Amino acid sequence: MGNKNFSSVSIIIPAYNEEANVAKVIKVAKELTYVEEIIVIDDGSHDKTIEEAKSAGAIVISHTTNQGKGAAIKTGFKHSKGDIIAFIDADIYNLSSDKVEMIVSPILEGKTDITKTKFMRESGRVTELTAKPLLKFFFPEVNFEQPLSGQFAGRRSVLEKIKFEKDYGVDVGIVLDADAHGINIEEVDIGEIKHDMSPLESLNEMANEVTRTIVDRAMEYGRVTMMDSMGNYIRMATLGLSLIILGLFTIFFVKEIPLEIGVIVAIVGIALTIYYLVRLVIKTTIMFKKRPKGNFFRSFIKMHFPVVISAIILLLMLSTFLSAANFSDGKISIEPTSRNLVIFPGSPDQTIYVRGPYNVDSALENQSDIIIMPQDALNTLELNYGDILHIGDEQFIVNKTRLGEENVLRLPQSVRMFLDLQIGDVISDGKIKGIFEGIPVEHVFNVTNESNVTVYEYFTINSRNMNGSTFDVYMDNKHIGSISGAFKINETHDIYVDGSRASSIIINDTSLKIGSSYFSYSGDHIIELKVSNSISTSKKSTSNEFGPFLSFNFN
């Protein structure tokens, strides 16, 4: 690649009627010790550009007529001798040796093949309205802030592979040819520059020439037909991935559609996906084979984003199915279980929650009377840690899960047998109420403002929510907490005090109106239950046929 000691540098300065500034640009170029020649290409000027350039010490080559910037650059390159050629505009008023150094140094130091500049100003209208949209469509891997900036440099060996346009399309043409040949280009920031702005009447001409150059290169490098075919490959590959997802969804989640149809849809999707993905990869590789890896990756993501997203969705589905696969007794069982999205529209602090699924495992050693239950499952079942479940003829206390086992439901063997569960079963949050349906629960009531009484609440777990009520509980006119449950019309519910029935509540159409109260008396104590709210709950309060629904034990 060369270095400052062994590479010769030529400076080419295209100029048209630049008598006022061309000498200053030449003077700056001469400050660089490694610059061996400075060539000014006078493009048919009508002023004293030639005289000023010669007196400043530059080699001058003249066009008899104004042929355009690209033609001047081509002439300068043809007559130059340097290993590295830098092209600098003659109208930069604040050019400095540091700015030229920034353009040439990356090539001298072997960091890149070609440099192009960007500078401190907003991109022009031709850049933003013409060049960038066309480049984004035809050459998405080309991503420069200022693709039309006029200053650039390159090694002679790579510039010889480039076709220099004769007009304003020269800058973008160099960029596109370099991209097509796999030549490395670095955009360097040279800070603020001051130069003549193109008059409005020339902007239309400039836009036309830039457009022609980009479209010509797109045709030459097959981008027009390639983009059309790649677009078709992307659409078909996305269709294939979507069919695979639809087929899997049908197989596992839509019972109304026969299994065979889901399988056929998935197989068709697999065939389409493989065929068009292979063609897409081949076409993409051809398109970007000489691009740096970083640019290739960014371009691939931009162009194939729909395919990438569909592939990610498919991978997530497959990982879910594989994680739900069980191998036992010579068979493979796949039963995917999703999480449950729970929405609380009336809650001010939590409106959306995701729960489950839960993995069934054995009880820990010496915990044969303990059920380890995840917090999510506890919330769904409307239980609390410390509650006692009556399963079969045994009692089991509900405890917290261990760290790292947030979705593990540990059940003793007798509980698994009673509930017909196996180690490794996965229970969705939506099904856990059905698993525990009919299980009686004994809940130790959290009493406030009283320390000499223990209160127990009794209910059974129902698989579906029912209309229920919340009661504020008062003892001796002091609020000690709240309970809730569903009550069946015409059922009787007993309140016990110290093991004996103290009173009963008979539920009717009007007894559960908000504000209604029930009283129970035991010795000097007055117990009041006051209806405070109507709710939806899966807790079915125990009727008198099965025991008390509320029990007070005084110490």
Protein backbone atom coordinates (compact mmCIF):
# COMPACT_ATOMS: atom_id res chain seq x y z
CA MET A 1 0.00 0.00 0.00
CA GLY A 2 2.97 2.32 0.49
CA ASN A 3 3.87 5.06 2.95
CA LYS A 4 4.89 8.73 3.01
CA ASN A 5 8.52 7.88 2.38
CA PHE A 6 8.10 5.70 -0.67
CA SER A 7 4.89 6.84 -2.44
CA SER A 8 4.83 9.79 -4.80
CA VAL A 9 1.78 12.05 -4.66
CA SER A 10 0.24 14.09 -7.46
CA ILE A 11 -2.31 16.85 -6.83
CA ILE A 12 -4.84 17.44 -9.62
CA ILE A 13 -6.77 20.74 -9.49
CA PRO A 14 -9.63 21.09 -12.02
CA ALA A 15 -10.37 24.80 -12.53
CA TYR A 16 -12.81 26.90 -14.50
CA ASN A 17 -12.57 30.69 -14.15
CA GLU A 18 -10.81 30.45 -10.78
CA GLU A 19 -8.21 33.23 -11.14
CA ALA A 20 -9.05 34.59 -7.68
CA ASN A 21 -8.24 31.44 -5.70
CA VAL A 22 -6.29 28.89 -7.76
CA ALA A 23 -2.89 30.23 -6.67
CA LYS A 24 -3.85 29.87 -2.98
CA VAL A 25 -4.80 26.22 -3.50
CA ILE A 26 -1.49 25.56 -5.29
CA LYS A 27 0.44 27.23 -2.47
CA VAL A 28 -1.23 24.99 0.11
CA ALA A 29 -0.46 21.86 -1.92
CA LYS A 30 3.21 22.85 -2.19
CA GLU A 31 3.49 22.93 1.60
CA LEU A 32 3.33 19.14 1.68
CA THR A 33 6.83 17.77 1.19
CA TYR A 34 5.68 14.46 -0.28
CA VAL A 35 3.74 16.12 -3.13
CA GLU A 36 5.88 15.70 -6.27
CA GLU A 37 3.67 17.38 -8.86
CA ILE A 38 0.74 19.80 -8.96
CA ILE A 39 -1.31 19.81 -12.15
CA VAL A 40 -4.01 22.39 -12.86
CA ILE A 41 -6.49 21.45 -15.58
CA ASP A 42 -7.86 24.67 -17.04
CA ASP A 43 -11.28 23.71 -18.38
CA GLY A 44 -11.65 26.45 -21.00
CA SER A 45 -11.49 29.43 -18.61
CA HIS A 46 -12.12 32.97 -19.89
CA ASP A 47 -10.16 34.74 -17.14
CA LYS A 48 -6.52 34.60 -15.98
CA THR A 49 -6.72 31.14 -14.37
CA ILE A 50 -3.82 29.86 -16.56
CA GLU A 51 -1.54 32.78 -15.73
CA GLU A 52 -2.23 32.55 -11.99
CA ALA A 53 -1.63 28.80 -11.95
CA LYS A 54 1.65 29.02 -13.86
CA SER A 55 2.99 31.86 -11.73
CA ALA A 56 2.19 29.81 -8.62
CA GLY A 57 4.38 26.98 -9.93
CA ALA A 58 1.86 24.45 -11.17
CA ILE A 59 1.89 22.42 -14.37
CA VAL A 60 -1.02 23.68 -16.48
CA ILE A 61 -2.94 21.65 -19.06
CA SER A 62 -5.70 23.45 -20.94
CA HIS A 63 -8.96 22.41 -22.57
CA THR A 64 -9.93 24.65 -25.46
CA THR A 65 -13.60 24.45 -24.38
CA ASN A 66 -15.39 23.87 -21.11
CA GLN A 67 -15.87 20.09 -21.00
CA GLY A 68 -16.94 19.60 -17.36
CA LYS A 69 -15.34 18.66 -14.09
CA GLY A 70 -15.23 14.96 -14.87
CA ALA A 71 -13.39 15.54 -18.14
CA ALA A 72 -10.85 17.77 -16.34
CA ILE A 73 -10.25 15.07 -13.70
CA LYS A 74 -9.79 12.45 -16.41
CA THR A 75 -7.25 14.65 -18.25
CA GLY A 76 -5.35 15.32 -15.05
CA PHE A 77 -5.20 11.66 -14.13
CA LYS A 78 -3.96 10.76 -17.60
CA HIS A 79 -1.05 13.23 -17.40
CA SER A 80 -0.11 12.58 -13.74
CA LYS A 81 2.76 10.34 -12.61
CA GLY A 82 2.19 9.89 -8.87
CA ASP A 83 1.48 6.61 -7.10
CA ILE A 84 -1.31 8.42 -5.26
CA ILE A 85 -3.52 11.01 -6.92
CA ALA A 86 -5.48 13.64 -4.97
CA PHE A 87 -8.20 15.74 -6.63
CA ILE A 88 -8.79 19.13 -5.01
CA ASP A 89 -11.28 21.81 -6.15
CA ALA A 90 -9.82 25.22 -7.01
CA ASP A 91 -12.55 27.23 -5.30
CA ILE A 92 -11.90 26.30 -1.63
CA TYR A 93 -11.04 29.60 0.08
CA ASN A 94 -10.01 28.16 3.44
CA LEU A 95 -8.02 25.16 2.20
CA SER A 96 -5.10 24.26 4.46
CA SER A 97 -2.31 21.73 4.36
CA ASP A 98 -3.98 19.94 7.28
CA LYS A 99 -7.12 19.37 5.22
CA VAL A 100 -5.12 17.97 2.30
CA GLU A 101 -3.17 15.84 4.78
CA MET A 102 -6.45 14.36 6.07
CA ILE A 103 -7.37 13.35 2.52
CA VAL A 104 -4.03 11.79 1.57
CA SER A 105 -2.70 10.32 4.85
CA PRO A 106 -5.07 7.31 5.16
CA ILE A 107 -3.85 6.10 1.76
CA LEU A 108 -0.19 6.81 2.50
CA GLU A 109 -0.52 4.89 5.76
CA GLY A 110 -2.11 1.89 4.03
CA LYS A 111 -5.48 2.19 5.75
CA THR A 112 -7.62 2.46 2.61
CA ASP A 113 -7.52 2.54 -1.19
CA ILE A 114 -9.59 5.67 -1.79
CA THR A 115 -10.63 8.57 0.41
CA LYS A 116 -13.54 10.89 -0.15
CA THR A 117 -14.39 13.87 2.00
CA LYS A 118 -17.25 15.09 4.07
CA PHE A 119 -17.26 18.53 5.60
CA MET A 120 -19.13 20.72 8.00
CA ARG A 121 -22.31 21.80 6.24
CA GLU A 122 -25.75 20.40 5.52
CA SER A 123 -25.99 18.21 2.46
CA GLY A 124 -27.22 20.02 -0.66
CA ARG A 125 -30.56 19.59 -2.34
CA VAL A 126 -29.16 17.38 -5.10
CA THR A 127 -27.62 15.08 -2.49
CA GLU A 128 -30.71 14.78 -0.32
CA LEU A 129 -33.41 14.77 -3.01
CA THR A 130 -31.65 12.87 -5.78
CA ALA A 131 -28.44 11.04 -4.90
CA LYS A 132 -29.28 9.51 -1.51
CA PRO A 133 -32.75 8.14 -2.43
CA LEU A 134 -31.40 6.54 -5.60
CA LEU A 135 -28.36 5.11 -3.83
CA LYS A 136 -30.52 3.72 -1.04
CA PHE A 137 -32.71 1.92 -3.58
CA PHE A 138 -30.09 0.59 -6.02
CA PHE A 139 -26.96 0.45 -3.82
CA PRO A 140 -28.11 0.10 -0.18
CA GLU A 141 -24.62 -0.96 0.90
CA VAL A 142 -23.25 2.47 -0.11
CA ASN A 143 -23.87 4.68 2.89
CA PHE A 144 -21.93 7.95 2.92
CA GLU A 145 -23.01 11.22 4.49
CA GLN A 146 -21.94 13.27 1.46
CA PRO A 147 -21.64 11.01 -1.61
CA LEU A 148 -21.17 14.01 -3.93
CA SER A 149 -18.33 15.79 -2.12
CA GLY A 150 -15.73 16.98 -4.65
CA GLN A 151 -12.42 16.18 -2.96
CA PHE A 152 -11.03 12.67 -3.08
CA ALA A 153 -7.81 10.72 -3.49
CA GLY A 154 -6.78 7.23 -4.47
CA ARG A 155 -3.97 4.92 -5.40
CA ARG A 156 -3.26 4.94 -9.13
CA SER A 157 -3.61 1.16 -9.33
CA VAL A 158 -7.23 1.27 -8.18
CA LEU A 159 -8.20 4.49 -9.96
CA GLU A 160 -7.22 2.85 -13.24
CA LYS A 161 -10.18 0.49 -12.76
CA ILE A 162 -12.64 3.38 -12.52
CA LYS A 163 -14.56 5.06 -15.29
CA PHE A 164 -14.41 8.85 -14.88
CA GLU A 165 -17.63 10.55 -15.92
CA LYS A 166 -17.21 13.78 -17.87
CA ASP A 167 -19.66 15.85 -15.83
CA TYR A 168 -21.05 16.29 -12.31
CA GLY A 169 -21.61 12.53 -12.10
CA VAL A 170 -17.88 11.95 -11.63
CA ASP A 171 -17.97 11.94 -7.80
CA VAL A 172 -20.77 9.41 -7.38
CA GLY A 173 -19.42 7.37 -10.30
CA ILE A 174 -16.09 6.92 -8.52
CA VAL A 175 -17.93 5.76 -5.37
CA LEU A 176 -20.07 3.24 -7.25
CA ASP A 177 -17.24 1.86 -9.38
CA ALA A 178 -15.10 1.40 -6.29
CA ASP A 179 -17.96 -0.41 -4.57
CA ALA A 180 -18.48 -2.70 -7.55
CA HIS A 181 -14.77 -3.59 -7.70
CA GLY A 182 -14.49 -4.17 -3.97
CA ILE A 183 -12.19 -1.19 -3.50
CA ASN A 184 -12.09 0.11 0.07
CA ILE A 185 -13.32 3.70 0.47
CA GLU A 186 -12.99 5.79 3.61
CA GLU A 187 -15.00 8.96 4.17
CA VAL A 188 -12.83 11.51 6.00
CA ASP A 189 -14.07 14.59 7.79
CA ILE A 190 -12.04 17.68 6.84
CA GLY A 191 -14.09 20.10 8.91
CA GLU A 192 -15.54 23.33 7.59
CA ILE A 193 -14.84 24.48 4.04
CA LYS A 194 -15.72 27.71 2.28
CA HIS A 195 -16.23 27.68 -1.45
CA ASP A 196 -18.48 28.97 -4.21
CA MET A 197 -21.97 27.48 -4.13
CA SER A 198 -23.40 26.25 -7.42
CA PRO A 199 -25.88 28.70 -8.97
CA LEU A 200 -29.51 27.62 -8.98
CA GLU A 201 -29.61 27.27 -12.76
CA SER A 202 -26.92 24.58 -12.61
CA LEU A 203 -28.68 22.46 -9.96
CA ASN A 204 -31.08 20.96 -12.49
CA GLU A 205 -28.19 20.00 -14.74
CA MET A 206 -26.29 18.55 -11.78
CA ALA A 207 -29.32 16.51 -10.65
CA ASN A 208 -29.81 15.11 -14.15
CA GLU A 209 -26.16 14.10 -14.47
CA VAL A 210 -26.06 12.49 -11.02
CA THR A 211 -29.29 10.61 -11.76
CA ARG A 212 -27.97 9.42 -15.12
CA THR A 213 -24.73 8.19 -13.54
CA ILE A 214 -26.47 6.23 -10.76
CA VAL A 215 -29.02 4.67 -13.12
CA ASP A 216 -26.30 3.82 -15.68
CA ARG A 217 -24.24 2.11 -12.99
CA ALA A 218 -27.34 0.29 -11.70
CA MET A 219 -27.96 -1.05 -15.21
CA GLU A 220 -24.29 -1.88 -15.78
CA TYR A 221 -23.94 -3.80 -12.51
CA GLY A 222 -27.29 -5.60 -12.85
CA ARG A 223 -28.93 -3.83 -9.94
CA VAL A 224 -32.21 -3.12 -11.76
CA THR A 225 -32.92 -6.76 -12.61
CA MET A 226 -31.24 -7.91 -9.41
CA MET A 227 -33.40 -5.74 -7.17
CA ASP A 228 -36.52 -7.02 -8.90
CA SER A 229 -35.52 -10.67 -8.56
CA MET A 230 -34.26 -10.20 -5.00
CA GLY A 231 -37.52 -8.53 -4.07
CA ASN A 232 -39.38 -11.56 -5.39
CA TYR A 233 -37.07 -13.93 -3.47
CA ILE A 234 -37.61 -11.95 -0.27
CA ARG A 235 -41.39 -12.03 -0.70
CA MET A 236 -41.46 -15.76 -1.43
CA ALA A 237 -39.06 -16.64 1.40
CA THR A 238 -41.20 -14.59 3.79
CA LEU A 239 -44.29 -16.40 2.50
CA GLY A 240 -42.58 -19.76 3.11
CA LEU A 241 -41.63 -18.85 6.68
CA SER A 242 -45.16 -17.59 7.31
CA LEU A 243 -46.61 -20.88 6.04
CA ILE A 244 -44.34 -22.85 8.37
CA ILE A 245 -45.51 -20.73 11.30
CA LEU A 246 -49.15 -21.12 10.23
CA GLY A 247 -48.76 -24.88 9.88
CA LEU A 248 -47.17 -25.30 13.31
CA PHE A 249 -49.78 -23.05 14.89
CA THR A 250 -52.53 -25.10 13.24
CA ILE A 251 -51.03 -28.41 14.39
CA PHE A 252 -50.71 -27.43 18.04
CA PHE A 253 -53.37 -24.82 18.72
CA VAL A 254 -56.29 -25.06 16.24
CA LYS A 255 -58.30 -28.21 16.99
CA GLU A 256 -60.98 -27.43 14.38
CA ILE A 257 -58.54 -27.91 11.47
CA PRO A 258 -57.42 -31.50 10.73
CA LEU A 259 -53.83 -32.35 11.63
CA GLU A 260 -53.05 -33.36 8.04
CA ILE A 261 -53.80 -29.86 6.74
CA GLY A 262 -51.42 -28.27 9.23
CA VAL A 263 -48.69 -30.73 8.26
CA ILE A 264 -49.20 -30.06 4.53
CA VAL A 265 -49.08 -26.29 5.05
CA ALA A 266 -45.88 -26.57 7.07
CA ILE A 267 -44.21 -28.85 4.47
CA VAL A 268 -45.11 -26.47 1.61
CA GLY A 269 -43.69 -23.62 3.69
CA ILE A 270 -40.45 -25.51 4.32
CA ALA A 271 -40.02 -26.22 0.59
CA LEU A 272 -40.65 -22.59 -0.40
CA THR A 273 -38.38 -21.27 2.31
CA ILE A 274 -35.43 -23.51 1.46
CA TYR A 275 -35.71 -22.88 -2.29
CA TYR A 276 -35.98 -19.09 -2.14
CA LEU A 277 -33.60 -18.61 0.78
CA VAL A 278 -30.88 -20.48 -1.15
CA ARG A 279 -31.49 -18.31 -4.22
CA LEU A 280 -31.57 -15.18 -2.06
CA VAL A 281 -28.29 -16.03 -0.36
CA ILE A 282 -26.60 -16.75 -3.68
CA LYS A 283 -27.83 -13.49 -5.21
CA THR A 284 -26.87 -11.51 -2.10
CA THR A 285 -23.41 -13.04 -2.02
CA ILE A 286 -22.84 -12.12 -5.66
CA MET A 287 -24.08 -8.62 -4.97
CA PHE A 288 -21.87 -7.95 -1.96
CA LYS A 289 -19.04 -10.48 -2.28
CA LYS A 290 -16.29 -7.85 -2.31
CA ARG A 291 -17.72 -5.62 0.36
CA PRO A 292 -16.16 -5.44 3.85
CA LYS A 293 -17.85 -7.77 6.32
CA GLY A 294 -19.32 -4.95 8.41
CA ASN A 295 -20.93 -3.32 5.38
CA PHE A 296 -22.19 -6.67 4.13
CA PHE A 297 -23.90 -7.41 7.45
CA ARG A 298 -25.59 -4.00 7.63
CA SER A 299 -26.76 -4.22 4.03
CA PHE A 300 -28.06 -7.77 4.52
CA ILE A 301 -30.16 -6.69 7.52
CA LYS A 302 -31.55 -3.66 5.68
CA MET A 303 -32.55 -5.56 2.55
CA HIS A 304 -33.78 -8.76 4.20
CA PHE A 305 -35.43 -7.37 7.33
CA PRO A 306 -38.85 -9.06 6.69
CA VAL A 307 -37.17 -12.44 6.24
CA VAL A 308 -35.02 -11.94 9.33
CA ILE A 309 -38.04 -11.09 11.51
CA SER A 310 -40.04 -14.08 10.20
CA ALA A 311 -37.04 -16.36 10.83
CA ILE A 312 -36.69 -15.07 14.40
CA ILE A 313 -40.39 -15.73 15.05
CA LEU A 314 -40.03 -19.27 13.65
CA LEU A 315 -36.94 -19.96 15.76
CA LEU A 316 -38.75 -18.80 18.90
CA MET A 317 -41.67 -21.11 18.07
CA LEU A 318 -39.34 -24.05 17.42
CA SER A 319 -37.46 -23.43 20.67
CA THR A 320 -40.80 -23.45 22.50
CA PHE A 321 -41.78 -26.77 20.93
CA LEU A 322 -38.39 -28.36 21.60
CA SER A 323 -38.41 -27.22 25.23
CA ALA A 324 -41.82 -28.90 25.59
CA ALA A 325 -40.65 -32.23 24.13
CA ASN A 326 -40.63 -35.30 26.37
CA PHE A 327 -39.00 -38.63 25.51
CA SER A 328 -40.37 -41.60 27.45
CA ASP A 329 -41.67 -45.12 26.95
CA GLY A 330 -40.40 -45.18 23.38
CA LYS A 331 -42.42 -42.14 22.29
CA ILE A 332 -41.83 -38.45 21.71
CA SER A 333 -44.44 -36.13 23.17
CA ILE A 334 -44.52 -32.41 22.32
CA GLU A 335 -47.02 -30.34 24.26
CA PRO A 336 -46.13 -26.63 24.07
CA THR A 337 -47.58 -24.49 26.84
CA SER A 338 -47.73 -20.76 26.53
CA ARG A 339 -47.55 -18.09 29.18
CA ASN A 340 -50.78 -16.47 30.30
CA LEU A 341 -51.30 -12.75 29.65
CA VAL A 342 -53.37 -11.38 32.52
CA ILE A 343 -54.87 -7.88 32.30
CA PHE A 344 -56.13 -5.92 35.30
CA PRO A 345 -58.02 -2.96 33.78
CA GLY A 346 -59.10 -1.65 37.16
CA SER A 347 -55.74 -1.78 38.89
CA PRO A 348 -53.90 1.55 39.18
CA ASP A 349 -50.45 0.04 39.68
CA GLN A 350 -50.46 -3.07 37.47
CA THR A 351 -52.55 -3.49 34.36
CA ILE A 352 -50.75 -6.28 32.47
CA TYR A 353 -49.05 -9.38 33.82
CA VAL A 354 -47.57 -12.50 32.23
CA ARG A 355 -47.84 -15.75 34.21
CA GLY A 356 -46.64 -19.33 33.85
CA PRO A 357 -46.21 -21.93 32.57
CA TYR A 358 -45.29 -24.14 35.55
CA ASN A 359 -43.05 -27.22 35.54
CA VAL A 360 -44.10 -30.06 37.84
CA ASP A 361 -41.33 -31.56 39.96
CA SER A 362 -41.03 -33.72 43.07
CA ALA A 363 -41.06 -32.39 46.62
CA LEU A 364 -37.76 -31.70 48.30
CA GLU A 365 -36.33 -34.10 50.86
CA ASN A 366 -38.18 -34.06 54.21
CA GLN A 367 -40.94 -31.89 52.72
CA SER A 368 -43.62 -34.52 52.09
CA ASP A 369 -46.28 -32.25 53.63
CA ILE A 370 -45.23 -29.10 51.75
CA ILE A 371 -46.24 -27.80 48.32
CA ILE A 372 -43.70 -25.41 46.77
CA MET A 373 -45.73 -23.06 44.57
CA PRO A 374 -44.57 -20.22 42.26
CA GLN A 375 -45.86 -16.75 43.10
CA ASP A 376 -47.67 -16.51 39.75
CA ALA A 377 -49.57 -19.74 40.38
CA LEU A 378 -50.37 -18.58 43.89
CA ASN A 379 -51.87 -15.35 42.53
CA THR A 380 -53.93 -17.18 39.91
CA LEU A 381 -55.34 -19.56 42.54
CA GLU A 382 -55.93 -16.60 44.89
CA LEU A 383 -53.90 -18.30 47.61
CA ASN A 384 -51.32 -17.06 50.11
CA TYR A 385 -48.14 -18.61 51.38
CA GLY A 386 -48.98 -20.45 54.59
CA ASP A 387 -52.39 -21.63 53.33
CA ILE A 388 -53.24 -25.26 53.97
CA LEU A 389 -54.62 -27.42 51.15
CA HIS A 390 -56.71 -30.48 52.03
CA ILE A 391 -55.88 -33.06 49.38
CA GLY A 392 -57.19 -36.58 49.85
CA ASP A 393 -56.94 -37.32 53.55
CA GLU A 394 -53.83 -35.20 54.04
CA GLN A 395 -52.99 -31.57 54.66
CA PHE A 396 -50.25 -29.66 52.81
CA ILE A 397 -48.91 -26.21 53.57
CA VAL A 398 -48.03 -23.87 50.67
CA ASN A 399 -44.48 -22.45 50.71
CA LYS A 400 -42.35 -20.18 48.50
CA THR A 401 -40.16 -21.40 45.66
CA ARG A 402 -36.38 -21.42 45.89
CA LEU A 403 -34.20 -18.92 44.06
CA GLY A 404 -33.89 -19.94 40.40
CA GLU A 405 -37.05 -22.09 40.50
CA GLU A 406 -39.59 -19.31 39.94
CA ASN A 407 -41.75 -21.51 37.66
CA VAL A 408 -41.24 -24.87 39.37
CA LEU A 409 -44.27 -26.41 41.13
CA ARG A 410 -42.93 -28.99 43.63
CA LEU A 411 -45.59 -31.51 44.68
CA PRO A 412 -45.29 -34.51 47.01
CA GLN A 413 -45.94 -37.88 45.40
CA SER A 414 -49.38 -38.31 47.00
CA VAL A 415 -50.47 -34.92 45.64
CA ARG A 416 -49.22 -35.76 42.13
CA MET A 417 -51.13 -39.03 42.24
CA PHE A 418 -54.32 -37.34 43.44
CA LEU A 419 -54.08 -34.61 40.77
CA ASP A 420 -52.98 -37.09 38.06
CA LEU A 421 -49.71 -35.26 37.36
CA GLN A 422 -46.25 -36.55 36.44
CA ILE A 423 -42.80 -35.10 37.02
CA GLY A 424 -41.96 -33.05 33.93
CA ASP A 425 -45.55 -32.06 33.15
CA VAL A 426 -45.97 -28.45 32.12
CA ILE A 427 -49.11 -26.64 33.31
CA SER A 428 -50.24 -23.45 31.64
CA ASP A 429 -51.48 -20.70 33.90
CA GLY A 430 -54.90 -20.93 32.29
CA LYS A 431 -55.25 -24.61 33.28
CA ILE A 432 -53.95 -24.56 36.84
CA LYS A 433 -57.34 -23.71 38.34
CA GLY A 434 -58.79 -26.78 36.64
CA ILE A 435 -56.00 -28.93 38.09
CA PHE A 436 -56.74 -27.76 41.64
CA GLU A 437 -60.54 -27.53 41.22
CA GLY A 438 -62.49 -28.62 44.29
CA ILE A 439 -59.46 -28.56 46.61
CA PRO A 440 -60.48 -27.21 50.06
CA VAL A 441 -58.28 -24.41 51.39
CA GLU A 442 -57.71 -23.27 54.94
CA HIS A 443 -56.40 -19.70 55.01
CA VAL A 444 -54.99 -18.12 58.14
CA PHE A 445 -56.50 -14.64 58.18
CA ASN A 446 -54.02 -11.77 58.60
CA VAL A 447 -55.48 -9.98 61.61
CA THR A 448 -54.71 -6.32 62.24
CA ASN A 449 -55.34 -4.33 65.46
CA GLU A 450 -55.85 -7.54 67.48
CA SER A 451 -53.26 -9.94 68.89
CA ASN A 452 -55.46 -12.32 70.90
CA VAL A 453 -57.43 -13.89 68.07
CA THR A 454 -56.64 -16.17 65.12
CA VAL A 455 -59.07 -16.18 62.23
CA TYR A 456 -59.38 -18.93 59.60
CA GLU A 457 -61.11 -18.58 56.24
CA TYR A 458 -62.30 -21.71 54.40
CA PHE A 459 -63.04 -22.03 50.70
CA THR A 460 -62.61 -24.34 47.72
CA ILE A 461 -60.85 -23.60 44.43
CA ASN A 462 -63.12 -23.33 41.40
CA SER A 463 -61.92 -23.69 37.79
CA ARG A 464 -63.82 -20.60 36.66
CA ASN A 465 -64.35 -17.21 38.17
CA MET A 466 -67.75 -16.46 39.68
CA ASN A 467 -69.52 -13.40 40.97
CA GLY A 468 -68.40 -12.83 44.52
CA SER A 469 -68.14 -10.30 47.30
CA THR A 470 -65.55 -8.73 49.54
CA PHE A 471 -66.32 -8.38 53.26
CA ASP A 472 -64.72 -6.01 55.72
CA VAL A 473 -64.35 -7.84 59.02
CA TYR A 474 -64.89 -5.96 62.29
CA MET A 475 -64.43 -7.31 65.80
CA ASP A 476 -65.68 -5.22 68.68
CA ASN A 477 -66.13 -2.36 66.20
CA LYS A 478 -62.46 -2.52 65.10
CA HIS A 479 -61.58 -3.30 61.47
CA ILE A 480 -59.29 -6.33 61.47
CA GLY A 481 -59.09 -7.11 57.74
CA SER A 482 -61.00 -8.30 54.69
CA ILE A 483 -62.08 -11.60 53.15
CA SER A 484 -63.59 -12.50 49.80
CA GLY A 485 -65.40 -15.36 48.11
CA ALA A 486 -68.29 -16.49 45.93
CA PHE A 487 -71.56 -17.38 47.64
CA LYS A 488 -74.41 -19.43 46.19
CA ILE A 489 -77.94 -18.12 46.58
CA ASN A 490 -79.92 -19.90 49.36
CA GLU A 491 -76.78 -21.50 50.81
CA THR A 492 -75.99 -21.24 54.49
CA HIS A 493 -72.49 -20.35 55.67
CA ASP A 494 -71.46 -20.86 59.29
CA ILE A 495 -69.26 -18.70 61.48
CA TYR A 496 -67.45 -20.59 64.27
CA VAL A 497 -65.99 -19.20 67.48
CA ASP A 498 -63.57 -21.36 69.48
CA GLY A 499 -64.67 -24.49 67.66
CA SER A 500 -68.45 -24.04 67.96
CA ARG A 501 -70.95 -22.56 65.54
CA ALA A 502 -71.80 -19.03 66.67
CA SER A 503 -74.05 -17.92 63.80
CA SER A 504 -74.96 -18.52 60.17
CA ILE A 505 -75.33 -16.41 57.07
CA ILE A 506 -78.11 -17.31 54.66
CA ILE A 507 -77.43 -15.87 51.24
CA ASN A 508 -80.32 -14.36 49.27
CA ASP A 509 -80.75 -11.86 46.46
CA THR A 510 -80.47 -8.82 48.72
CA SER A 511 -78.06 -9.99 51.42
CA LEU A 512 -74.94 -9.29 49.34
CA LYS A 513 -75.72 -5.68 48.55
CA ILE A 514 -72.83 -3.35 49.26
CA GLY A 515 -73.24 -1.96 52.77
CA SER A 516 -75.15 -4.98 54.11
CA SER A 517 -73.85 -6.32 57.44
CA TYR A 518 -73.97 -9.67 59.27
CA PHE A 519 -73.40 -9.94 63.02
CA SER A 520 -72.20 -12.77 65.23
CA TYR A 521 -71.92 -12.70 69.03
CA SER A 522 -69.68 -14.73 71.33
CA GLY A 523 -69.48 -13.74 74.98
CA ASP A 524 -68.45 -10.11 75.07
CA HIS A 525 -67.28 -10.10 71.46
CA ILE A 526 -69.22 -8.67 68.51
CA ILE A 527 -68.22 -9.82 65.02
CA GLU A 528 -69.46 -7.89 62.01
CA LEU A 529 -69.09 -8.79 58.33
CA LYS A 530 -69.88 -5.85 56.05
CA VAL A 531 -70.18 -6.20 52.27
CA SER A 532 -67.72 -3.69 50.77
CA ASN A 533 -67.42 -4.63 47.10
CA SER A 534 -68.54 -6.97 44.31
CA ILE A 535 -65.76 -8.95 42.65
CA SER A 536 -65.00 -11.83 40.29
CA THR A 537 -63.28 -14.70 42.08
CA SER A 538 -62.52 -18.43 41.85
CA LYS A 539 -62.77 -18.83 45.66
CA LYS A 540 -66.01 -20.63 46.52
CA SER A 541 -66.76 -20.02 50.19
CA THR A 542 -67.47 -23.21 52.15
CA SER A 543 -71.14 -23.90 52.91
CA ASN A 544 -72.33 -25.39 56.23
CA GLU A 545 -72.51 -28.88 54.68
CA PHE A 546 -68.71 -29.02 54.70
CA GLY A 547 -67.87 -26.96 57.79
CA PRO A 548 -67.37 -23.30 58.66
CA PHE A 549 -66.44 -20.62 56.16
CA LEU A 550 -65.01 -18.41 58.92
CA SER A 551 -63.60 -19.44 62.29
CA PHE A 552 -62.43 -17.25 65.20
CA ASN A 553 -60.17 -18.76 67.87
CA PHE A 554 -59.45 -16.57 70.89
CA ASN A 555 -56.21 -17.12 72.74
